[in-house]
mmCIF file of all heavy atoms, coordinates in Angstrom:
data_MODEL
# 
_entry.id   MODEL 
# 
loop_
_atom_site.group_PDB 
_atom_site.id 
_atom_site.type_symbol 
_atom_site.label_atom_id 
_atom_site.label_alt_id 
_atom_site.label_comp_id 
_atom_site.label_asym_id 
_atom_site.label_entity_id 
_atom_site.label_seq_id 
_atom_site.pdbx_PDB_ins_code 
_atom_site.Cartn_x 
_atom_site.Cartn_y 
_atom_site.Cartn_z 
_atom_site.occupancy 
_atom_site.B_iso_or_equiv 
_atom_site.pdbx_formal_charge 
_atom_site.auth_seq_id 
_atom_site.auth_comp_id 
_atom_site.auth_asym_id 
_atom_site.auth_atom_id 
_atom_site.pdbx_PDB_model_num 
ATOM 1   N N   . THR A 1 1  ? 0.885  -1.221  0.055  1.00 0.00 ? 1  THR A N   1 
ATOM 2   C CA  . THR A 1 1  ? -0.008 -0.009  -0.012 1.00 0.00 ? 1  THR A CA  1 
ATOM 3   C C   . THR A 1 1  ? 0.926  1.282   0.031  1.00 0.00 ? 1  THR A C   1 
ATOM 4   O O   . THR A 1 1  ? 2.132  1.074   -0.067 1.00 0.00 ? 1  THR A O   1 
ATOM 5   C CB  . THR A 1 1  ? -0.979 0.074   1.229  1.00 0.00 ? 1  THR A CB  1 
ATOM 6   O OG1 . THR A 1 1  ? -1.915 1.066   1.013  1.00 0.00 ? 1  THR A OG1 1 
ATOM 7   C CG2 . THR A 1 1  ? -0.156 0.204   2.541  1.00 0.00 ? 1  THR A CG2 1 
ATOM 8   N N   . PHE A 1 2  ? 0.259  2.421   0.024  1.00 0.00 ? 2  PHE A N   1 
ATOM 9   C CA  . PHE A 1 2  ? 1.017  3.627   0.079  1.00 0.00 ? 2  PHE A CA  1 
ATOM 10  C C   . PHE A 1 2  ? 0.585  4.531   1.215  1.00 0.00 ? 2  PHE A C   1 
ATOM 11  O O   . PHE A 1 2  ? -0.508 4.495   1.719  1.00 0.00 ? 2  PHE A O   1 
ATOM 12  C CB  . PHE A 1 2  ? 0.750  4.409   -1.235 1.00 0.00 ? 2  PHE A CB  1 
ATOM 13  C CG  . PHE A 1 2  ? 1.399  3.835   -2.503 1.00 0.00 ? 2  PHE A CG  1 
ATOM 14  C CD1 . PHE A 1 2  ? 0.728  2.930   -3.190 1.00 0.00 ? 2  PHE A CD1 1 
ATOM 15  C CD2 . PHE A 1 2  ? 2.602  4.363   -2.908 1.00 0.00 ? 2  PHE A CD2 1 
ATOM 16  C CE1 . PHE A 1 2  ? 1.318  2.358   -4.366 1.00 0.00 ? 2  PHE A CE1 1 
ATOM 17  C CE2 . PHE A 1 2  ? 3.130  3.839   -4.017 1.00 0.00 ? 2  PHE A CE2 1 
ATOM 18  C CZ  . PHE A 1 2  ? 2.508  2.844   -4.775 1.00 0.00 ? 2  PHE A CZ  1 
ATOM 19  N N   . TYR A 1 3  ? 1.536  5.376   1.671  1.00 0.00 ? 3  TYR A N   1 
ATOM 20  C CA  . TYR A 1 3  ? 1.232  6.419   2.675  1.00 0.00 ? 3  TYR A CA  1 
ATOM 21  C C   . TYR A 1 3  ? 0.919  7.669   1.858  1.00 0.00 ? 3  TYR A C   1 
ATOM 22  O O   . TYR A 1 3  ? 1.781  8.147   1.039  1.00 0.00 ? 3  TYR A O   1 
ATOM 23  C CB  . TYR A 1 3  ? 2.452  6.639   3.632  1.00 0.00 ? 3  TYR A CB  1 
ATOM 24  C CG  . TYR A 1 3  ? 2.549  5.686   4.805  1.00 0.00 ? 3  TYR A CG  1 
ATOM 25  C CD1 . TYR A 1 3  ? 3.242  4.480   4.572  1.00 0.00 ? 3  TYR A CD1 1 
ATOM 26  C CD2 . TYR A 1 3  ? 1.930  5.855   5.916  1.00 0.00 ? 3  TYR A CD2 1 
ATOM 27  C CE1 . TYR A 1 3  ? 3.351  3.561   5.614  1.00 0.00 ? 3  TYR A CE1 1 
ATOM 28  C CE2 . TYR A 1 3  ? 1.947  4.937   7.048  1.00 0.00 ? 3  TYR A CE2 1 
ATOM 29  C CZ  . TYR A 1 3  ? 2.707  3.800   6.794  1.00 0.00 ? 3  TYR A CZ  1 
ATOM 30  O OH  . TYR A 1 3  ? 2.783  2.990   7.888  1.00 0.00 ? 3  TYR A OH  1 
ATOM 31  N N   . ALA A 1 4  ? -0.258 8.284   2.147  1.00 0.00 ? 4  ALA A N   1 
ATOM 32  C CA  . ALA A 1 4  ? -0.677 9.492   1.498  1.00 0.00 ? 4  ALA A CA  1 
ATOM 33  C C   . ALA A 1 4  ? -0.657 9.386   -0.009 1.00 0.00 ? 4  ALA A C   1 
ATOM 34  O O   . ALA A 1 4  ? -0.491 10.385  -0.717 1.00 0.00 ? 4  ALA A O   1 
ATOM 35  C CB  . ALA A 1 4  ? 0.176  10.715  1.991  1.00 0.00 ? 4  ALA A CB  1 
ATOM 36  N N   . SER A 1 5  ? -0.704 8.209   -0.471 1.00 0.00 ? 5  SER A N   1 
ATOM 37  C CA  . SER A 1 5  ? -0.714 7.910   -1.991 1.00 0.00 ? 5  SER A CA  1 
ATOM 38  C C   . SER A 1 5  ? 0.551  8.230   -2.613 1.00 0.00 ? 5  SER A C   1 
ATOM 39  O O   . SER A 1 5  ? 0.611  8.245   -3.888 1.00 0.00 ? 5  SER A O   1 
ATOM 40  C CB  . SER A 1 5  ? -1.874 8.614   -2.613 1.00 0.00 ? 5  SER A CB  1 
ATOM 41  O OG  . SER A 1 5  ? -3.128 8.256   -2.025 1.00 0.00 ? 5  SER A OG  1 
ATOM 42  N N   . VAL A 1 6  ? 1.657  8.534   -1.882 1.00 0.00 ? 6  VAL A N   1 
ATOM 43  C CA  . VAL A 1 6  ? 2.900  8.877   -2.613 1.00 0.00 ? 6  VAL A CA  1 
ATOM 44  C C   . VAL A 1 6  ? 4.102  8.026   -2.180 1.00 0.00 ? 6  VAL A C   1 
ATOM 45  O O   . VAL A 1 6  ? 5.121  7.984   -2.926 1.00 0.00 ? 6  VAL A O   1 
ATOM 46  C CB  . VAL A 1 6  ? 3.219  10.378  -2.358 1.00 0.00 ? 6  VAL A CB  1 
ATOM 47  C CG1 . VAL A 1 6  ? 2.254  11.222  -2.994 1.00 0.00 ? 6  VAL A CG1 1 
ATOM 48  C CG2 . VAL A 1 6  ? 3.310  10.739  -0.890 1.00 0.00 ? 6  VAL A CG2 1 
ATOM 49  N N   . VAL A 1 7  ? 4.046  7.468   -1.014 1.00 0.00 ? 7  VAL A N   1 
ATOM 50  C CA  . VAL A 1 7  ? 5.198  6.623   -0.479 1.00 0.00 ? 7  VAL A CA  1 
ATOM 51  C C   . VAL A 1 7  ? 4.766  5.249   -0.176 1.00 0.00 ? 7  VAL A C   1 
ATOM 52  O O   . VAL A 1 7  ? 3.838  4.989   0.593  1.00 0.00 ? 7  VAL A O   1 
ATOM 53  C CB  . VAL A 1 7  ? 5.816  7.313   0.784  1.00 0.00 ? 7  VAL A CB  1 
ATOM 54  C CG1 . VAL A 1 7  ? 6.683  6.361   1.513  1.00 0.00 ? 7  VAL A CG1 1 
ATOM 55  C CG2 . VAL A 1 7  ? 6.474  8.659   0.421  1.00 0.00 ? 7  VAL A CG2 1 
ATOM 56  N N   . ARG A 1 8  ? 5.445  4.299   -0.812 1.00 0.00 ? 8  ARG A N   1 
ATOM 57  C CA  . ARG A 1 8  ? 5.118  2.868   -0.595 1.00 0.00 ? 8  ARG A CA  1 
ATOM 58  C C   . ARG A 1 8  ? 5.529  2.433   0.724  1.00 0.00 ? 8  ARG A C   1 
ATOM 59  O O   . ARG A 1 8  ? 6.577  2.943   1.306  1.00 0.00 ? 8  ARG A O   1 
ATOM 60  C CB  . ARG A 1 8  ? 5.732  1.994   -1.687 1.00 0.00 ? 8  ARG A CB  1 
ATOM 61  C CG  . ARG A 1 8  ? 5.290  0.567   -1.721 1.00 0.00 ? 8  ARG A CG  1 
ATOM 62  C CD  . ARG A 1 8  ? 5.870  -0.167  -2.907 1.00 0.00 ? 8  ARG A CD  1 
ATOM 63  N NE  . ARG A 1 8  ? 5.397  0.243   -4.083 1.00 0.00 ? 8  ARG A NE  1 
ATOM 64  C CZ  . ARG A 1 8  ? 4.232  -0.232  -4.663 1.00 0.00 ? 8  ARG A CZ  1 
ATOM 65  N NH1 . ARG A 1 8  ? 3.500  -1.143  -3.947 1.00 0.00 ? 8  ARG A NH1 1 
ATOM 66  N NH2 . ARG A 1 8  ? 3.800  0.204   -5.824 1.00 0.00 ? 8  ARG A NH2 1 
ATOM 67  N N   . ASN A 1 9  ? 4.820  1.478   1.386  1.00 0.00 ? 9  ASN A N   1 
ATOM 68  C CA  . ASN A 1 9  ? 5.170  1.060   2.660  1.00 0.00 ? 9  ASN A CA  1 
ATOM 69  C C   . ASN A 1 9  ? 6.349  0.066   2.600  1.00 0.00 ? 9  ASN A C   1 
ATOM 70  O O   . ASN A 1 9  ? 6.205  -1.174  2.982  1.00 0.00 ? 9  ASN A O   1 
ATOM 71  C CB  . ASN A 1 9  ? 4.022  0.427   3.484  1.00 0.00 ? 9  ASN A CB  1 
ATOM 72  C CG  . ASN A 1 9  ? 3.315  -0.718  2.725  1.00 0.00 ? 9  ASN A CG  1 
ATOM 73  O OD1 . ASN A 1 9  ? 3.422  -0.925  1.534  1.00 0.00 ? 9  ASN A OD1 1 
ATOM 74  N ND2 . ASN A 1 9  ? 2.601  -1.536  3.497  1.00 0.00 ? 9  ASN A ND2 1 
ATOM 75  N N   . ARG A 1 10 ? 7.452  0.484   2.040  1.00 0.00 ? 10 ARG A N   1 
ATOM 76  C CA  . ARG A 1 10 ? 8.698  -0.372  1.940  1.00 0.00 ? 10 ARG A CA  1 
ATOM 77  C C   . ARG A 1 10 ? 9.782  0.644   1.963  1.00 0.00 ? 10 ARG A C   1 
ATOM 78  O O   . ARG A 1 10 ? 9.758  1.666   1.165  1.00 0.00 ? 10 ARG A O   1 
ATOM 79  C CB  . ARG A 1 10 ? 8.634  -1.120  0.641  1.00 0.00 ? 10 ARG A CB  1 
ATOM 80  C CG  . ARG A 1 10 ? 9.912  -1.816  0.369  1.00 0.00 ? 10 ARG A CG  1 
ATOM 81  C CD  . ARG A 1 10 ? 10.026 -2.106  -1.191 1.00 0.00 ? 10 ARG A CD  1 
ATOM 82  N NE  . ARG A 1 10 ? 10.019 -0.959  -1.985 1.00 0.00 ? 10 ARG A NE  1 
ATOM 83  C CZ  . ARG A 1 10 ? 9.703  -0.988  -3.294 1.00 0.00 ? 10 ARG A CZ  1 
ATOM 84  N NH1 . ARG A 1 10 ? 9.180  -2.034  -3.845 1.00 0.00 ? 10 ARG A NH1 1 
ATOM 85  N NH2 . ARG A 1 10 ? 9.697  0.165   -3.962 1.00 0.00 ? 10 ARG A NH2 1 
ATOM 86  N N   . THR A 1 11 ? 10.839 0.356   2.638  1.00 0.00 ? 11 THR A N   1 
ATOM 87  C CA  . THR A 1 11 ? 12.021 1.245   2.694  1.00 0.00 ? 11 THR A CA  1 
ATOM 88  C C   . THR A 1 11 ? 13.082 0.668   1.718  1.00 0.00 ? 11 THR A C   1 
ATOM 89  O O   . THR A 1 11 ? 13.417 -0.484  1.819  1.00 0.00 ? 11 THR A O   1 
ATOM 90  C CB  . THR A 1 11 ? 12.663 1.302   4.173  1.00 0.00 ? 11 THR A CB  1 
ATOM 91  O OG1 . THR A 1 11 ? 11.667 1.867   5.000  1.00 0.00 ? 11 THR A OG1 1 
ATOM 92  C CG2 . THR A 1 11 ? 13.899 2.167   4.040  1.00 0.00 ? 11 THR A CG2 1 
ATOM 93  N N   . PHE A 1 12 ? 13.405 1.473   0.799  1.00 0.00 ? 12 PHE A N   1 
ATOM 94  C CA  . PHE A 1 12 ? 14.465 1.101   -0.228 1.00 0.00 ? 12 PHE A CA  1 
ATOM 95  C C   . PHE A 1 12 ? 15.695 1.932   0.075  1.00 0.00 ? 12 PHE A C   1 
ATOM 96  O O   . PHE A 1 12 ? 15.567 3.215   0.290  1.00 0.00 ? 12 PHE A O   1 
ATOM 97  C CB  . PHE A 1 12 ? 13.953 1.374   -1.605 1.00 0.00 ? 12 PHE A CB  1 
ATOM 98  C CG  . PHE A 1 12 ? 14.982 0.977   -2.723 1.00 0.00 ? 12 PHE A CG  1 
ATOM 99  C CD1 . PHE A 1 12 ? 15.017 -0.351  -3.113 1.00 0.00 ? 12 PHE A CD1 1 
ATOM 100 C CD2 . PHE A 1 12 ? 15.774 1.893   -3.341 1.00 0.00 ? 12 PHE A CD2 1 
ATOM 101 C CE1 . PHE A 1 12 ? 15.792 -0.728  -4.141 1.00 0.00 ? 12 PHE A CE1 1 
ATOM 102 C CE2 . PHE A 1 12 ? 16.664 1.478   -4.290 1.00 0.00 ? 12 PHE A CE2 1 
ATOM 103 C CZ  . PHE A 1 12 ? 16.650 0.202   -4.781 1.00 0.00 ? 12 PHE A CZ  1 
ATOM 104 N N   . VAL A 1 13 ? 16.746 1.307   0.224  1.00 0.00 ? 13 VAL A N   1 
ATOM 105 C CA  . VAL A 1 13 ? 18.048 1.926   0.664  1.00 0.00 ? 13 VAL A CA  1 
ATOM 106 C C   . VAL A 1 13 ? 19.047 2.226   -0.477 1.00 0.00 ? 13 VAL A C   1 
ATOM 107 O O   . VAL A 1 13 ? 19.149 1.323   -1.345 1.00 0.00 ? 13 VAL A O   1 
ATOM 108 C CB  . VAL A 1 13 ? 18.787 1.090   1.739  1.00 0.00 ? 13 VAL A CB  1 
ATOM 109 C CG1 . VAL A 1 13 ? 20.054 1.661   2.208  1.00 0.00 ? 13 VAL A CG1 1 
ATOM 110 C CG2 . VAL A 1 13 ? 17.847 0.865   2.928  1.00 0.00 ? 13 VAL A CG2 1 
ATOM 111 N N   . TYR A 1 14 ? 19.570 3.391   -0.461 1.00 0.00 ? 14 TYR A N   1 
ATOM 112 C CA  . TYR A 1 14 ? 20.569 3.774   -1.447 1.00 0.00 ? 14 TYR A CA  1 
ATOM 113 C C   . TYR A 1 14 ? 22.004 3.823   -0.807 1.00 0.00 ? 14 TYR A C   1 
ATOM 114 O O   . TYR A 1 14 ? 22.123 4.162   0.386  1.00 0.00 ? 14 TYR A O   1 
ATOM 115 C CB  . TYR A 1 14 ? 20.343 5.147   -2.040 1.00 0.00 ? 14 TYR A CB  1 
ATOM 116 C CG  . TYR A 1 14 ? 19.032 5.295   -2.827 1.00 0.00 ? 14 TYR A CG  1 
ATOM 117 C CD1 . TYR A 1 14 ? 17.797 5.364   -2.201 1.00 0.00 ? 14 TYR A CD1 1 
ATOM 118 C CD2 . TYR A 1 14 ? 19.079 5.355   -4.263 1.00 0.00 ? 14 TYR A CD2 1 
ATOM 119 C CE1 . TYR A 1 14 ? 16.591 5.474   -2.959 1.00 0.00 ? 14 TYR A CE1 1 
ATOM 120 C CE2 . TYR A 1 14 ? 17.944 5.528   -5.005 1.00 0.00 ? 14 TYR A CE2 1 
ATOM 121 C CZ  . TYR A 1 14 ? 16.749 5.568   -4.341 1.00 0.00 ? 14 TYR A CZ  1 
ATOM 122 O OH  . TYR A 1 14 ? 15.554 5.769   -5.072 1.00 0.00 ? 14 TYR A OH  1 
ATOM 123 N N   . VAL A 1 15 ? 22.992 3.558   -1.528 1.00 0.00 ? 15 VAL A N   1 
ATOM 124 C CA  . VAL A 1 15 ? 24.320 3.600   -0.999 1.00 0.00 ? 15 VAL A CA  1 
ATOM 125 C C   . VAL A 1 15 ? 25.295 4.173   -2.094 1.00 0.00 ? 15 VAL A C   1 
ATOM 126 O O   . VAL A 1 15 ? 25.236 3.640   -3.248 1.00 0.00 ? 15 VAL A O   1 
ATOM 127 C CB  . VAL A 1 15 ? 24.844 2.298   -0.424 1.00 0.00 ? 15 VAL A CB  1 
ATOM 128 C CG1 . VAL A 1 15 ? 24.758 1.233   -1.402 1.00 0.00 ? 15 VAL A CG1 1 
ATOM 129 C CG2 . VAL A 1 15 ? 26.292 2.489   0.038  1.00 0.00 ? 15 VAL A CG2 1 
ATOM 130 N N   . TYR A 1 16 ? 26.044 5.177   -1.803 1.00 0.00 ? 16 TYR A N   1 
ATOM 131 C CA  . TYR A 1 16 ? 27.020 5.703   -2.774 1.00 0.00 ? 16 TYR A CA  1 
ATOM 132 C C   . TYR A 1 16 ? 28.312 4.972   -2.567 1.00 0.00 ? 16 TYR A C   1 
ATOM 133 O O   . TYR A 1 16 ? 28.820 4.954   -1.404 1.00 0.00 ? 16 TYR A O   1 
ATOM 134 C CB  . TYR A 1 16 ? 27.176 7.225   -2.689 1.00 0.00 ? 16 TYR A CB  1 
ATOM 135 C CG  . TYR A 1 16 ? 28.302 7.758   -3.540 1.00 0.00 ? 16 TYR A CG  1 
ATOM 136 C CD1 . TYR A 1 16 ? 28.187 7.806   -4.944 1.00 0.00 ? 16 TYR A CD1 1 
ATOM 137 C CD2 . TYR A 1 16 ? 29.517 8.044   -3.022 1.00 0.00 ? 16 TYR A CD2 1 
ATOM 138 C CE1 . TYR A 1 16 ? 29.132 8.335   -5.690 1.00 0.00 ? 16 TYR A CE1 1 
ATOM 139 C CE2 . TYR A 1 16 ? 30.594 8.635   -3.755 1.00 0.00 ? 16 TYR A CE2 1 
ATOM 140 C CZ  . TYR A 1 16 ? 30.379 8.674   -5.199 1.00 0.00 ? 16 TYR A CZ  1 
ATOM 141 O OH  . TYR A 1 16 ? 31.425 9.147   -5.975 1.00 0.00 ? 16 TYR A OH  1 
ATOM 142 N N   . ALA A 1 17 ? 28.943 4.384   -3.567 1.00 0.00 ? 17 ALA A N   1 
ATOM 143 C CA  . ALA A 1 17 ? 30.154 3.752   -3.481 1.00 0.00 ? 17 ALA A CA  1 
ATOM 144 C C   . ALA A 1 17 ? 31.073 4.033   -4.667 1.00 0.00 ? 17 ALA A C   1 
ATOM 145 O O   . ALA A 1 17 ? 30.456 4.282   -5.821 1.00 0.00 ? 17 ALA A O   1 
ATOM 146 C CB  . ALA A 1 17 ? 29.970 2.159   -3.364 1.00 0.00 ? 17 ALA A CB  1 
ATOM 147 N N   . GLN A 1 18 ? 32.288 4.090   -4.451 1.00 0.00 ? 18 GLN A N   1 
ATOM 148 C CA  . GLN A 1 18 ? 33.266 4.379   -5.543 1.00 0.00 ? 18 GLN A CA  1 
ATOM 149 C C   . GLN A 1 18 ? 33.878 3.076   -6.008 1.00 0.00 ? 18 GLN A C   1 
ATOM 150 O O   . GLN A 1 18 ? 33.864 2.055   -5.274 1.00 0.00 ? 18 GLN A O   1 
ATOM 151 C CB  . GLN A 1 18 ? 34.389 5.439   -5.105 1.00 0.00 ? 18 GLN A CB  1 
ATOM 152 C CG  . GLN A 1 18 ? 33.856 6.733   -4.650 1.00 0.00 ? 18 GLN A CG  1 
ATOM 153 C CD  . GLN A 1 18 ? 34.877 7.638   -4.193 1.00 0.00 ? 18 GLN A CD  1 
ATOM 154 O OE1 . GLN A 1 18 ? 36.012 7.224   -3.844 1.00 0.00 ? 18 GLN A OE1 1 
ATOM 155 N NE2 . GLN A 1 18 ? 34.597 8.925   -4.193 1.00 0.00 ? 18 GLN A NE2 1 
ATOM 156 N N   . ALA A 1 19 ? 34.248 3.026   -7.281 1.00 0.00 ? 19 ALA A N   1 
ATOM 157 C CA  . ALA A 1 19 ? 34.775 1.738   -7.831 1.00 0.00 ? 19 ALA A CA  1 
ATOM 158 C C   . ALA A 1 19 ? 35.884 1.166   -6.991 1.00 0.00 ? 19 ALA A C   1 
ATOM 159 O O   . ALA A 1 19 ? 36.781 1.834   -6.589 1.00 0.00 ? 19 ALA A O   1 
ATOM 160 C CB  . ALA A 1 19 ? 35.263 2.046   -9.323 1.00 0.00 ? 19 ALA A CB  1 
ATOM 161 N N   . GLY A 1 20 ? 35.712 -0.120  -6.733 1.00 0.00 ? 20 GLY A N   1 
ATOM 162 C CA  . GLY A 1 20 ? 36.729 -0.812  -5.862 1.00 0.00 ? 20 GLY A CA  1 
ATOM 163 C C   . GLY A 1 20 ? 36.372 -0.841  -4.396 1.00 0.00 ? 20 GLY A C   1 
ATOM 164 O O   . GLY A 1 20 ? 36.894 -1.672  -3.665 1.00 0.00 ? 20 GLY A O   1 
ATOM 165 N N   . GLU A 1 21 ? 35.511 -0.016  -3.910 1.00 0.00 ? 21 GLU A N   1 
ATOM 166 C CA  . GLU A 1 21 ? 35.111 -0.014  -2.561 1.00 0.00 ? 21 GLU A CA  1 
ATOM 167 C C   . GLU A 1 21 ? 34.175 -1.258  -2.334 1.00 0.00 ? 21 GLU A C   1 
ATOM 168 O O   . GLU A 1 21 ? 33.562 -1.731  -3.257 1.00 0.00 ? 21 GLU A O   1 
ATOM 169 C CB  . GLU A 1 21 ? 34.438 1.289   -2.110 1.00 0.00 ? 21 GLU A CB  1 
ATOM 170 C CG  . GLU A 1 21 ? 35.312 2.457   -2.116 1.00 0.00 ? 21 GLU A CG  1 
ATOM 171 C CD  . GLU A 1 21 ? 34.680 3.743   -1.679 1.00 0.00 ? 21 GLU A CD  1 
ATOM 172 O OE1 . GLU A 1 21 ? 33.460 3.830   -1.836 1.00 0.00 ? 21 GLU A OE1 1 
ATOM 173 O OE2 . GLU A 1 21 ? 35.340 4.699   -1.170 1.00 0.00 ? 21 GLU A OE2 1 
ATOM 174 N N   . TYR A 1 22 ? 33.978 -1.607  -1.082 1.00 0.00 ? 22 TYR A N   1 
ATOM 175 C CA  . TYR A 1 22 ? 33.146 -2.703  -0.721 1.00 0.00 ? 22 TYR A CA  1 
ATOM 176 C C   . TYR A 1 22 ? 31.854 -2.268  -0.003 1.00 0.00 ? 22 TYR A C   1 
ATOM 177 O O   . TYR A 1 22 ? 31.846 -1.402  0.848  1.00 0.00 ? 22 TYR A O   1 
ATOM 178 C CB  . TYR A 1 22 ? 33.819 -3.720  0.215  1.00 0.00 ? 22 TYR A CB  1 
ATOM 179 C CG  . TYR A 1 22 ? 34.656 -4.736  -0.610 1.00 0.00 ? 22 TYR A CG  1 
ATOM 180 C CD1 . TYR A 1 22 ? 35.943 -4.451  -1.029 1.00 0.00 ? 22 TYR A CD1 1 
ATOM 181 C CD2 . TYR A 1 22 ? 34.133 -6.029  -0.912 1.00 0.00 ? 22 TYR A CD2 1 
ATOM 182 C CE1 . TYR A 1 22 ? 36.691 -5.369  -1.757 1.00 0.00 ? 22 TYR A CE1 1 
ATOM 183 C CE2 . TYR A 1 22 ? 34.886 -6.897  -1.613 1.00 0.00 ? 22 TYR A CE2 1 
ATOM 184 C CZ  . TYR A 1 22 ? 36.172 -6.514  -2.107 1.00 0.00 ? 22 TYR A CZ  1 
ATOM 185 O OH  . TYR A 1 22 ? 36.824 -7.574  -2.827 1.00 0.00 ? 22 TYR A OH  1 
ATOM 186 N N   . ILE A 1 23 ? 30.731 -2.769  -0.498 1.00 0.00 ? 23 ILE A N   1 
ATOM 187 C CA  . ILE A 1 23 ? 29.501 -2.534  0.182  1.00 0.00 ? 23 ILE A CA  1 
ATOM 188 C C   . ILE A 1 23 ? 29.135 -3.756  1.064  1.00 0.00 ? 23 ILE A C   1 
ATOM 189 O O   . ILE A 1 23 ? 28.995 -4.914  0.535  1.00 0.00 ? 23 ILE A O   1 
ATOM 190 C CB  . ILE A 1 23 ? 28.228 -2.337  -0.846 1.00 0.00 ? 23 ILE A CB  1 
ATOM 191 C CG1 . ILE A 1 23 ? 28.630 -1.224  -1.750 1.00 0.00 ? 23 ILE A CG1 1 
ATOM 192 C CG2 . ILE A 1 23 ? 27.018 -2.165  -0.078 1.00 0.00 ? 23 ILE A CG2 1 
ATOM 193 C CD1 . ILE A 1 23 ? 27.661 -1.016  -2.855 1.00 0.00 ? 23 ILE A CD1 1 
ATOM 194 N N   . LEU A 1 24 ? 29.077 -3.586  2.413  1.00 0.00 ? 24 LEU A N   1 
ATOM 195 C CA  . LEU A 1 24 ? 28.843 -4.664  3.287  1.00 0.00 ? 24 LEU A CA  1 
ATOM 196 C C   . LEU A 1 24 ? 27.394 -4.609  3.789  1.00 0.00 ? 24 LEU A C   1 
ATOM 197 O O   . LEU A 1 24 ? 26.901 -3.485  4.088  1.00 0.00 ? 24 LEU A O   1 
ATOM 198 C CB  . LEU A 1 24 ? 29.760 -4.530  4.573  1.00 0.00 ? 24 LEU A CB  1 
ATOM 199 C CG  . LEU A 1 24 ? 31.148 -5.191  4.396  1.00 0.00 ? 24 LEU A CG  1 
ATOM 200 C CD1 . LEU A 1 24 ? 31.917 -4.563  3.190  1.00 0.00 ? 24 LEU A CD1 1 
ATOM 201 C CD2 . LEU A 1 24 ? 31.969 -4.812  5.690  1.00 0.00 ? 24 LEU A CD2 1 
ATOM 202 N N   . VAL A 1 25 ? 26.755 -5.851  3.800  1.00 0.00 ? 25 VAL A N   1 
ATOM 203 C CA  . VAL A 1 25 ? 25.314 -5.847  4.220  1.00 0.00 ? 25 VAL A CA  1 
ATOM 204 C C   . VAL A 1 25 ? 25.076 -7.106  5.195  1.00 0.00 ? 25 VAL A C   1 
ATOM 205 O O   . VAL A 1 25 ? 25.780 -8.065  5.136  1.00 0.00 ? 25 VAL A O   1 
ATOM 206 C CB  . VAL A 1 25 ? 24.382 -5.920  2.975  1.00 0.00 ? 25 VAL A CB  1 
ATOM 207 C CG1 . VAL A 1 25 ? 24.482 -4.656  2.110  1.00 0.00 ? 25 VAL A CG1 1 
ATOM 208 C CG2 . VAL A 1 25 ? 24.702 -7.176  2.137  1.00 0.00 ? 25 VAL A CG2 1 
ATOM 209 N N   . GLY A 1 26 ? 24.008 -6.933  5.864  1.00 0.00 ? 26 GLY A N   1 
ATOM 210 C CA  . GLY A 1 26 ? 23.568 -8.024  6.774  1.00 0.00 ? 26 GLY A CA  1 
ATOM 211 C C   . GLY A 1 26 ? 22.187 -7.683  7.366  1.00 0.00 ? 26 GLY A C   1 
ATOM 212 O O   . GLY A 1 26 ? 21.839 -6.482  7.324  1.00 0.00 ? 26 GLY A O   1 
ATOM 213 N N   . SER A 1 27 ? 21.515 -8.683  7.982  1.00 0.00 ? 27 SER A N   1 
ATOM 214 C CA  . SER A 1 27 ? 20.265 -8.480  8.544  1.00 0.00 ? 27 SER A CA  1 
ATOM 215 C C   . SER A 1 27 ? 20.000 -9.490  9.572  1.00 0.00 ? 27 SER A C   1 
ATOM 216 O O   . SER A 1 27 ? 20.519 -10.623 9.553  1.00 0.00 ? 27 SER A O   1 
ATOM 217 C CB  . SER A 1 27 ? 19.135 -8.318  7.551  1.00 0.00 ? 27 SER A CB  1 
ATOM 218 O OG  . SER A 1 27 ? 18.629 -9.641  7.265  1.00 0.00 ? 27 SER A OG  1 
ATOM 219 N N   . SER A 1 28 ? 18.950 -9.308  10.449 1.00 0.00 ? 28 SER A N   1 
ATOM 220 C CA  . SER A 1 28 ? 18.547 -10.290 11.409 1.00 0.00 ? 28 SER A CA  1 
ATOM 221 C C   . SER A 1 28 ? 17.652 -11.360 10.754 1.00 0.00 ? 28 SER A C   1 
ATOM 222 O O   . SER A 1 28 ? 17.419 -12.345 11.415 1.00 0.00 ? 28 SER A O   1 
ATOM 223 C CB  . SER A 1 28 ? 17.795 -9.587  12.593 1.00 0.00 ? 28 SER A CB  1 
ATOM 224 O OG  . SER A 1 28 ? 16.758 -8.784  12.104 1.00 0.00 ? 28 SER A OG  1 
ATOM 225 N N   . ASN A 1 29 ? 17.121 -11.117 9.583  1.00 0.00 ? 29 ASN A N   1 
ATOM 226 C CA  . ASN A 1 29 ? 16.407 -12.098 8.916  1.00 0.00 ? 29 ASN A CA  1 
ATOM 227 C C   . ASN A 1 29 ? 17.226 -13.130 8.144  1.00 0.00 ? 29 ASN A C   1 
ATOM 228 O O   . ASN A 1 29 ? 16.659 -14.174 7.656  1.00 0.00 ? 29 ASN A O   1 
ATOM 229 C CB  . ASN A 1 29 ? 15.423 -11.405 7.913  1.00 0.00 ? 29 ASN A CB  1 
ATOM 230 C CG  . ASN A 1 29 ? 14.293 -10.712 8.690  1.00 0.00 ? 29 ASN A CG  1 
ATOM 231 O OD1 . ASN A 1 29 ? 14.041 -10.939 9.775  1.00 0.00 ? 29 ASN A OD1 1 
ATOM 232 N ND2 . ASN A 1 29 ? 13.574 -9.849  7.863  1.00 0.00 ? 29 ASN A ND2 1 
ATOM 233 N N   . ARG A 1 30 ? 18.513 -12.879 7.895  1.00 0.00 ? 30 ARG A N   1 
ATOM 234 C CA  . ARG A 1 30 ? 19.378 -13.779 7.075  1.00 0.00 ? 30 ARG A CA  1 
ATOM 235 C C   . ARG A 1 30 ? 19.363 -15.179 7.586  1.00 0.00 ? 30 ARG A C   1 
ATOM 236 O O   . ARG A 1 30 ? 19.497 -16.120 6.747  1.00 0.00 ? 30 ARG A O   1 
ATOM 237 C CB  . ARG A 1 30 ? 20.733 -13.122 6.952  1.00 0.00 ? 30 ARG A CB  1 
ATOM 238 C CG  . ARG A 1 30 ? 20.960 -12.378 5.761  1.00 0.00 ? 30 ARG A CG  1 
ATOM 239 C CD  . ARG A 1 30 ? 21.126 -13.237 4.480  1.00 0.00 ? 30 ARG A CD  1 
ATOM 240 N NE  . ARG A 1 30 ? 22.351 -13.970 4.547  1.00 0.00 ? 30 ARG A NE  1 
ATOM 241 C CZ  . ARG A 1 30 ? 22.377 -15.273 4.328  1.00 0.00 ? 30 ARG A CZ  1 
ATOM 242 N NH1 . ARG A 1 30 ? 21.298 -16.046 4.154  1.00 0.00 ? 30 ARG A NH1 1 
ATOM 243 N NH2 . ARG A 1 30 ? 23.535 -15.980 4.382  1.00 0.00 ? 30 ARG A NH2 1 
# 
């Protein structure tokens, strides 16, 4: 669904990385 018809009830994450850098991720659901 959407909040106020403009924001979906899901958080999408952005990350800025430069070539060669590492993006590390993890979660409690894994």
